[in-house]
Amino acid sequence: MAKLIITNGDSAVERLRAGGIAGHLLPWRDMLHDGPVPGSPSLAQVADTRAEFLSDVLGLEFDSVRADFAERDAQLEIHIAFREVQLWFEHDLFDQLQLIQLLHYFALEPDRLGVQMVQSDAYLGTLEAGYIRALADKAAPVTALQLEAGRTAWEAFTAPTPKALAALAARDQAALPYLGAALRRALAELPAPHSGLSLTEERILRRLSEGPQKVHQLFSAVHQMDEAQFLADLPFFLRLDALAFAREPLIEGLPFRAVDCKSFDPAGVDPSPEEMSYRTFARATIALTPAGEAALKGRFDHARENAIERWLGGTHIHPGAMWRYDRARSALAEPN
């Protein structure tokens, strides 16, 4: 049978097709940097947890999301039927987490002949056909060292504390050259000491300290601050929800929660101002509150005062288990 080619999503699939890459193309759709990720070798158990989270925050039907995961995983599980498997992934956090999930899977597989990898420091969904073909020529067999690095990283990411992840991020990852930076970026989404802000939250507030902005403009500005951009609009909107609808809001001006948006607007349809749509949400103008200003100065602890609750892989961040990460010192701080 033809090659099985697994990549980060539908845009990448379209560009690979445009580049003439032949094979069965499988998009690996999941934003693993948000929500719980259980430390289970079972694809089905991981899919159950991820489907529950994604259906909740994206307003989708659980059965539909779970069916998509089941179809995806079924195609992976018959990999032995293909003459080879290629993993096409980028350098950013979104992709590197998907990559280590797949490397973990293949590390545990007794039959994994013909697994190759293509890594890119450019975004696959934006590449011209010629560049895609040039990348295809660089496909190389996945080595035992890469399988072990992926297995170790996935187990650290899905562990119930971020200790192993922080230790791993501090070391050179020669077998997977983009992984170290991606893991450090993941850790930067933990609350910081004093302010309780993640890196993304701090960037949002600093941008708003220059004056009110529309949500879509703010997203574009904050998105560009990452060298390896990984955060799509919907997870960004969810971060705004957490800042705006906290017990002590750090921003103001959102008309409703992104999690309550009905759906994407049909092409060409301009919603009414009252419609709870993503387009209406993105056009809202938001501003900093006094609590937001205080958090930027380290005088208001957002994590403690607003009792934040979120996940980093297998680690549940919540009052009583408020893991923090000092970005200036690249140091993990245990709950106290």
Protein backbone atom coordinates (compact mmCIF):
# COMPACT_ATOMS: atom_id res chain seq x y z
CA MET A 1 0.00 0.00 0.00
CA ALA A 2 1.10 3.64 -0.48
CA LYS A 3 2.82 5.73 2.17
CA LEU A 4 0.98 6.92 5.27
CA ILE A 5 1.85 10.57 5.78
CA ILE A 6 0.89 12.15 9.11
CA THR A 7 1.08 15.91 9.56
CA ASN A 8 -0.22 18.69 11.78
CA GLY A 9 -3.56 19.60 10.20
CA ASP A 10 -5.67 20.28 7.16
CA SER A 11 -3.67 23.26 5.85
CA ALA A 12 -0.50 21.19 5.83
CA VAL A 13 -2.34 18.36 4.07
CA GLU A 14 -3.43 20.76 1.32
CA ARG A 15 0.12 22.06 0.82
CA LEU A 16 1.58 18.54 0.69
CA ARG A 17 -0.97 17.61 -1.96
CA ALA A 18 -0.12 20.77 -3.90
CA GLY A 19 3.54 19.76 -3.73
CA GLY A 20 2.76 16.42 -5.31
CA ILE A 21 3.49 14.36 -2.21
CA ALA A 22 1.88 11.01 -2.91
CA GLY A 23 0.36 8.89 -0.19
CA HIS A 24 -2.48 8.63 2.28
CA LEU A 25 -2.46 11.98 4.12
CA LEU A 26 -3.63 11.98 7.74
CA PRO A 27 -4.06 15.29 9.61
CA TRP A 28 -3.30 14.96 13.35
CA ARG A 29 -5.84 17.44 14.72
CA ASP A 30 -5.34 18.29 18.39
CA MET A 31 -4.07 21.35 20.30
CA LEU A 32 -2.27 19.34 22.96
CA HIS A 33 -0.84 22.46 24.62
CA ASP A 34 -4.30 23.14 26.10
CA GLY A 35 -6.33 20.91 28.39
CA PRO A 36 -5.62 17.59 30.13
CA VAL A 37 -3.50 14.93 28.42
CA PRO A 38 -3.44 11.62 30.32
CA GLY A 39 -0.29 9.58 30.64
CA SER A 40 -1.74 6.46 29.04
CA PRO A 41 -0.25 4.31 26.26
CA SER A 42 -3.81 3.78 25.00
CA LEU A 43 -4.81 6.04 22.11
CA ALA A 44 -8.44 5.45 23.04
CA GLN A 45 -7.99 6.69 26.63
CA VAL A 46 -6.14 9.79 25.45
CA ALA A 47 -8.84 10.41 22.83
CA ASP A 48 -11.62 10.11 25.43
CA THR A 49 -10.05 12.82 27.58
CA ARG A 50 -9.16 15.09 24.68
CA ALA A 51 -12.60 14.78 23.08
CA GLU A 52 -14.29 15.73 26.34
CA PHE A 53 -12.08 18.81 26.74
CA LEU A 54 -12.27 19.97 23.12
CA SER A 55 -16.02 19.48 22.83
CA ASP A 56 -16.47 21.51 26.01
CA VAL A 57 -14.28 24.50 25.12
CA LEU A 58 -15.09 24.61 21.41
CA GLY A 59 -18.82 24.03 21.76
CA LEU A 60 -18.80 20.88 19.63
CA GLU A 61 -20.72 17.65 20.04
CA PHE A 62 -18.70 15.14 22.04
CA ASP A 63 -19.76 12.20 19.86
CA SER A 64 -18.59 14.00 16.73
CA VAL A 65 -15.19 14.91 18.18
CA ARG A 66 -14.70 11.42 19.60
CA ALA A 67 -15.63 9.85 16.26
CA ASP A 68 -13.03 12.01 14.50
CA PHE A 69 -10.37 10.80 16.95
CA ALA A 70 -11.47 7.19 16.51
CA GLU A 71 -11.18 7.45 12.73
CA ARG A 72 -7.77 9.12 13.00
CA ASP A 73 -6.42 6.54 15.47
CA ALA A 74 -7.75 3.64 13.41
CA GLN A 75 -5.72 4.83 10.43
CA LEU A 76 -2.59 5.02 12.58
CA GLU A 77 -3.14 1.56 14.03
CA ILE A 78 -3.03 -0.07 10.59
CA HIS A 79 0.33 1.56 9.81
CA ILE A 80 1.84 -1.87 9.17
CA ALA A 81 -0.32 -2.07 6.04
CA PHE A 82 1.62 0.82 4.48
CA ARG A 83 5.02 0.37 2.93
CA GLU A 84 6.30 3.33 4.95
CA VAL A 85 5.10 6.02 7.35
CA GLN A 86 6.27 9.63 7.19
CA LEU A 87 5.86 12.13 10.04
CA TRP A 88 5.82 15.76 8.78
CA PHE A 89 5.99 18.32 11.58
CA GLU A 90 7.14 21.87 12.27
CA HIS A 91 9.34 23.40 14.95
CA ASP A 92 6.65 25.02 17.11
CA LEU A 93 5.03 23.77 20.32
CA PHE A 94 1.78 22.71 18.63
CA ASP A 95 3.66 20.38 16.26
CA GLN A 96 6.36 19.16 18.62
CA LEU A 97 3.75 17.87 21.08
CA GLN A 98 2.00 16.01 18.28
CA LEU A 99 5.34 14.63 17.14
CA ILE A 100 6.33 13.27 20.55
CA GLN A 101 2.89 11.69 20.91
CA LEU A 102 3.47 9.79 17.67
CA LEU A 103 7.09 8.91 18.52
CA HIS A 104 5.88 7.56 21.86
CA TYR A 105 3.33 5.45 20.02
CA PHE A 106 5.90 4.02 17.61
CA ALA A 107 8.45 3.48 20.38
CA LEU A 108 5.99 1.01 21.93
CA GLU A 109 5.10 -0.69 18.63
CA PRO A 110 6.80 -4.04 17.94
CA ASP A 111 6.34 -3.57 14.16
CA ARG A 112 7.41 -0.15 12.98
CA LEU A 113 9.46 -0.70 9.82
CA GLY A 114 9.69 2.19 7.39
CA VAL A 115 8.99 5.10 9.77
CA GLN A 116 10.54 8.33 8.49
CA MET A 117 10.48 11.92 9.65
CA VAL A 118 10.47 15.32 7.97
CA GLN A 119 10.98 18.32 10.27
CA SER A 120 10.65 21.92 9.14
CA ASP A 121 11.52 25.29 10.65
CA ALA A 122 8.92 26.86 8.34
CA TYR A 123 5.13 26.51 8.58
CA LEU A 124 3.98 23.67 6.33
CA GLY A 125 0.57 25.21 5.71
CA THR A 126 2.18 28.24 4.03
CA LEU A 127 4.88 26.63 1.89
CA GLU A 128 5.08 26.70 -1.89
CA ALA A 129 5.07 23.43 -3.81
CA GLY A 130 8.78 23.60 -4.61
CA TYR A 131 9.74 23.96 -0.96
CA ILE A 132 7.51 21.03 -0.05
CA ARG A 133 9.23 18.85 -2.66
CA ALA A 134 12.64 19.90 -1.31
CA LEU A 135 11.58 18.89 2.20
CA ALA A 136 10.40 15.52 0.91
CA ASP A 137 13.92 14.84 -0.33
CA LYS A 138 15.16 15.26 3.26
CA ALA A 139 12.95 12.54 4.73
CA ALA A 140 15.12 10.33 6.96
CA PRO A 141 14.47 7.14 8.91
CA VAL A 142 13.46 7.69 12.52
CA THR A 143 16.33 6.53 14.70
CA ALA A 144 16.25 4.62 17.99
CA LEU A 145 17.53 7.77 19.71
CA GLN A 146 14.63 9.82 18.30
CA LEU A 147 12.09 7.22 19.37
CA GLU A 148 13.53 7.20 22.88
CA ALA A 149 13.63 11.02 23.02
CA GLY A 150 10.01 11.20 21.92
CA ARG A 151 8.90 8.52 24.39
CA THR A 152 10.70 10.22 27.27
CA ALA A 153 9.34 13.66 26.38
CA TRP A 154 5.74 12.43 26.05
CA GLU A 155 5.91 10.67 29.41
CA ALA A 156 7.32 13.85 30.99
CA PHE A 157 4.63 16.00 29.39
CA THR A 158 1.81 13.73 30.57
CA ALA A 159 3.20 13.24 34.08
CA PRO A 160 1.14 14.51 37.06
CA THR A 161 3.81 17.12 37.89
CA PRO A 162 6.00 19.20 35.54
CA LYS A 163 9.25 18.19 37.28
CA ALA A 164 10.40 15.76 34.58
CA LEU A 165 9.34 18.19 31.85
CA ALA A 166 11.41 21.00 33.37
CA ALA A 167 14.43 18.71 33.75
CA LEU A 168 14.09 17.60 30.15
CA ALA A 169 13.66 21.15 28.85
CA ALA A 170 16.91 22.19 30.54
CA ARG A 171 18.93 19.61 28.58
CA ASP A 172 20.06 19.61 24.98
CA GLN A 173 17.77 17.49 22.80
CA ALA A 174 20.17 16.61 20.00
CA ALA A 175 17.98 13.85 18.58
CA LEU A 176 15.03 16.25 18.19
CA PRO A 177 16.53 19.70 17.61
CA TYR A 178 13.31 21.73 18.00
CA LEU A 179 12.00 19.95 21.07
CA GLY A 180 13.92 21.75 23.81
CA ALA A 181 12.70 25.21 22.81
CA ALA A 182 9.14 23.89 22.43
CA LEU A 183 9.15 22.38 25.92
CA ARG A 184 10.51 25.60 27.42
CA ARG A 185 7.70 27.47 25.69
CA ALA A 186 5.21 25.03 27.21
CA LEU A 187 6.61 25.67 30.68
CA ALA A 188 6.29 29.43 30.09
CA GLU A 189 2.50 28.97 30.10
CA LEU A 190 2.68 28.12 33.81
CA PRO A 191 1.93 31.02 36.19
CA ALA A 192 4.90 33.21 36.99
CA PRO A 193 5.94 34.03 40.57
CA HIS A 194 4.37 37.20 41.97
CA SER A 195 2.13 38.09 39.00
CA GLY A 196 0.64 34.63 38.43
CA LEU A 197 0.63 35.33 34.69
CA SER A 198 1.60 32.95 31.92
CA LEU A 199 3.85 34.34 29.19
CA THR A 200 0.90 34.72 26.81
CA GLU A 201 -1.16 36.48 29.48
CA GLU A 202 1.69 38.85 30.28
CA ARG A 203 2.11 39.71 26.61
CA ILE A 204 -1.62 40.39 26.31
CA LEU A 205 -1.57 42.76 29.26
CA ARG A 206 1.60 44.53 28.16
CA ARG A 207 0.12 45.16 24.75
CA LEU A 208 -3.07 46.51 26.31
CA SER A 209 -1.02 48.77 28.60
CA GLU A 210 -0.39 50.80 25.42
CA GLY A 211 -4.13 51.37 25.05
CA PRO A 212 -7.39 49.55 24.17
CA GLN A 213 -7.31 47.25 21.14
CA LYS A 214 -9.65 45.11 19.13
CA VAL A 215 -9.35 41.41 19.89
CA HIS A 216 -8.24 40.44 16.37
CA GLN A 217 -5.53 43.11 16.38
CA LEU A 218 -4.32 41.98 19.79
CA PHE A 219 -4.21 38.36 18.64
CA SER A 220 -2.10 39.27 15.62
CA ALA A 221 0.33 41.30 17.73
CA VAL A 222 0.76 38.67 20.45
CA HIS A 223 0.95 35.85 17.91
CA GLN A 224 3.92 37.54 16.23
CA MET A 225 5.84 37.69 19.52
CA ASP A 226 6.63 33.97 19.37
CA GLU A 227 9.58 32.97 17.23
CA ALA A 228 7.88 29.62 16.70
CA GLN A 229 4.20 30.59 16.52
CA PHE A 230 1.90 27.92 17.87
CA LEU A 231 -1.21 29.54 19.34
CA ALA A 232 -4.25 29.67 17.05
CA ASP A 233 -7.08 32.15 17.46
CA LEU A 234 -9.49 29.95 19.44
CA PRO A 235 -7.06 29.00 22.23
CA PHE A 236 -6.02 32.66 22.33
CA PHE A 237 -9.67 33.65 22.78
CA LEU A 238 -9.96 31.18 25.66
CA ARG A 239 -7.06 32.93 27.37
CA LEU A 240 -8.94 36.21 27.05
CA ASP A 241 -11.96 34.53 28.68
CA ALA A 242 -9.80 33.59 31.66
CA LEU A 243 -8.58 37.16 32.07
CA ALA A 244 -11.92 38.88 31.51
CA PHE A 245 -14.29 36.65 33.46
CA ALA A 246 -12.13 35.99 36.50
CA ARG A 247 -13.27 36.90 40.00
CA GLU A 248 -11.07 40.02 39.68
CA PRO A 249 -10.95 40.76 35.91
CA LEU A 250 -7.64 41.81 34.39
CA ILE A 251 -9.21 42.98 31.12
CA GLU A 252 -12.61 44.39 30.19
CA GLY A 253 -14.73 44.87 27.08
CA LEU A 254 -15.50 41.34 25.94
CA PRO A 255 -19.22 41.09 25.09
CA PHE A 256 -19.43 37.40 26.05
CA ARG A 257 -17.21 34.37 26.58
CA ALA A 258 -15.52 32.82 23.57
CA VAL A 259 -16.50 29.43 24.97
CA ASP A 260 -20.15 30.48 24.54
CA CYS A 261 -19.81 31.46 20.87
CA LYS A 262 -22.24 29.60 18.65
CA SER A 263 -20.00 28.81 15.70
CA PHE A 264 -17.87 30.31 12.99
CA ASP A 265 -19.81 32.70 10.78
CA PRO A 266 -20.67 31.48 7.27
CA ALA A 267 -18.54 33.12 4.58
CA GLY A 268 -19.83 36.51 3.61
CA VAL A 269 -22.37 36.78 6.42
CA ASP A 270 -21.93 39.80 8.66
CA PRO A 271 -23.43 39.04 12.09
CA SER A 272 -25.46 41.52 14.07
CA PRO A 273 -23.59 43.16 16.98
CA GLU A 274 -25.61 41.08 19.44
CA GLU A 275 -24.85 37.73 17.81
CA MET A 276 -22.61 35.49 19.92
CA SER A 277 -20.21 34.58 17.13
CA TYR A 278 -16.45 34.36 16.89
CA ARG A 279 -16.47 37.23 14.42
CA THR A 280 -18.33 39.49 16.85
CA PHE A 281 -15.95 38.40 19.61
CA ALA A 282 -12.90 39.20 17.48
CA ARG A 283 -14.18 42.70 16.71
CA ALA A 284 -14.68 43.66 20.37
CA THR A 285 -12.45 46.37 21.84
CA ILE A 286 -10.83 45.42 25.13
CA ALA A 287 -8.80 47.31 27.70
CA LEU A 288 -6.72 46.79 30.82
CA THR A 289 -8.33 46.98 34.27
CA PRO A 290 -6.61 48.24 37.44
CA ALA A 291 -6.03 44.60 38.46
CA GLY A 292 -4.35 43.99 35.10
CA GLU A 293 -2.08 46.98 35.63
CA ALA A 294 -1.23 45.74 39.12
CA ALA A 295 -0.44 42.23 37.83
CA LEU A 296 2.01 43.68 35.30
CA LYS A 297 3.82 45.38 38.19
CA GLY A 298 3.84 42.18 40.27
CA ARG A 299 1.41 43.69 42.81
CA PHE A 300 -1.51 41.38 42.03
CA ASP A 301 -1.15 37.60 41.89
CA HIS A 302 -3.64 36.50 39.24
CA ALA A 303 -3.07 32.79 39.87
CA ARG A 304 -3.70 33.02 43.62
CA GLU A 305 -6.34 35.75 43.80
CA ASN A 306 -8.39 34.39 40.90
CA ALA A 307 -7.85 30.73 41.85
CA ILE A 308 -6.94 29.77 38.30
CA GLU A 309 -7.40 26.23 37.06
CA ARG A 310 -5.79 24.85 33.93
CA TRP A 311 -3.72 21.94 32.63
CA LEU A 312 -0.23 21.53 31.25
CA GLY A 313 -0.31 18.04 29.78
CA GLY A 314 -0.83 15.72 32.74
CA THR A 315 -0.32 18.43 35.37
CA HIS A 316 -3.45 19.99 36.86
CA ILE A 317 -2.75 23.58 37.92
CA HIS A 318 -5.20 24.69 40.61
CA PRO A 319 -5.31 26.13 44.15
CA GLY A 320 -3.31 23.77 46.33
CA ALA A 321 -1.21 22.62 43.37
CA MET A 322 -0.14 25.94 41.89
CA TRP A 323 3.02 25.05 40.01
CA ARG A 324 4.88 28.11 38.72
CA TYR A 325 7.71 28.81 36.33
CA ASP A 326 10.23 31.62 36.74
CA ARG A 327 10.95 32.55 33.14
CA ALA A 328 13.87 34.83 34.01
CA ARG A 329 15.67 32.00 35.81
CA SER A 330 14.24 29.10 33.74
CA ALA A 331 13.34 27.51 37.06
CA LEU A 332 10.29 25.57 38.22
CA ALA A 333 8.73 26.57 41.53
CA GLU A 334 6.82 23.91 43.46
CA PRO A 335 3.49 24.69 45.12
CA ASN A 336 3.79 26.12 48.62
